[in-house]
Amino acid sequence: MNTHFTAWLVDDRSCLDQDNCDVTVLADDITTVIDYDGNGFEVEKPEYSSTGAPVFYGITGVDARDGNVDDAIREAEQMLDAAGWVVTGTWEAVGTSYVVEVELADETWGLDQVAAHIGASSTGSARKTLSRWGVQAVSREPGRGGQSLYSKTEIVYARATRPGQGTRTDLKDAG
């Protein structure tokens, strides 16, 4: 599971519930679409759609009516940086917003830290749980017998969105 995030900077006053530009980070659903390259060959490309609850939200000090978009972007980047986000792309205008790819400046956890976080009784149980959630190791500790290291961000996100959370309305009788 590689979670993809997009930051949205809204600078259109008609889309805001206050006067200043705001920035929101949302997790993206990733689908694959077929496109054609310059030679007419089919190529698979990822397509992202931002969904779900915000994982970060902040209001800039830049007025959405007569503020400078560059100032809003600069301030949004400072807010994201202070919250542990790293801007990995370039800002693009889309409709009433500007968007950019972001990711968390991530730390890694060993299985003992994962087990403690998810409440698993052992590192073996934690490994099985991570496998069920689709979380894969991002690296290994150096040296012989080094343990696998996992992305804290992916673990926290997978735990928060795991199956079985919330009401199972899909199982209720429609009648």
Foldseek 3Di string as FASTA:
>chain_A
DDWWKKKKWFLACVPDPDFFIKIFIFIWDWDWDWDADPVRDTDIDIDTDGDDDTPDMDTFPAGSPPGDVVVSVVRVCVVCVVVQKDFDADWDDDDRITMTIIDGPWDKDFLVVQCVVVVNPDSVRSVVVCVVLVWDFPAFDDDPPTTTIGTPVSSVVSVVPPPPPDDPPVPDDPD
